[in-house]
Amino acid sequence: MKVLDILLLFAVGSILGVVIETIYCYLTTGKLMRRQSVVYGPFNQIYGIGAVLMTTLLSRLPDAWGLFLSSAILGGLFEAVCSYVQETMYGTVSWEYSGQRFSLLGGRTSLRFMIFWGFLGIAYIRGIQPFLFRLFAQIPFPVKAPAVIALNVFLAYDLWLSALAVGRWRKRLTGHKPDGQMDIWLDQRFPNERMQKLYPSMRHSPYKMAEQKKDYK
C-alpha cells in the first residue's frame, strides 16, 4: 500500500464514516443529524483513522470470526481512547453510553457498538476496502498526488480550526472574554448558536467547565 493511497483512504474514510453514522442515526431516531467532527465539510477524522487502522492491522486475517472479533475489540478500544482523548484535551464529550446495558470502560464504549464495529469490519475488509483500493489505483499519479496532498492539508487546517473553535466555545460558556484578535474572530465566525448546530450531540465536560471557571476567576 502506497503512502498516497493511505492518505486518500483517511480522507475518504472520514467521509464514509459520516455517511454511515448519519444513516444509522436516521434509522434509529428518525432524525437527520450532523455527524461531522470539523467545522468545514462532511469529515470525521475518527472514521478516517479507523479505516487506516483496520486496513493496516486486519487486512490479512482470513477467518471471518477472527476478523469479526478483532474488529469489535479494535473498534471498541479505539472508540474509548478517542473519547478519553477528546474529553481530556478539549473538555468535550460526543458520545457516552453509561446509561445503556453492557456499557464498557466507563461508558466510553459498549457491547452493542463493539458488535457494530465487528460487522462493519467484515463489510469493510471484505468489500469496501478492495473496491476503494482498486478505485485509487485507477487515478493517474499526476492527478492523485497533488489532489491528495491538497485534501490532507485542508483537513489538517480544518482540524486545527475546529479545535480552536470548540475551545473558544467552551471558554465563552464559562465567561471568558476574548483574549486577542483570534478569539474575537472566532466569536464572530463561530458563535454559540452555530457551534450548537455544527455539533448537536456534543456536550461540555462539567469537570473541565468548573476547572476553567475557577481559572478565569
Foldseek 3Di string as FASTA:
>chain_A
DDPLLLLVLQFVQQQVVQVVVQVVCCVVPVDRAQDDLFPDDSGHSLRSVLLSCLVVPPLPDPDLVVQLQVQLVVVQVSQLVVQVCCCVPQQKGQFFQPVPPQQDDRRSGGSVVSNVSSVVSCCCSVPVVVVSVVVVVPDDPVVSVVVSVVSVVVVVVRVVVSSVLSNLQLLVVLPDDDDDPVSVVSCVPPPPVNVCRNRVRMDGHPVVSVVSNVVVD
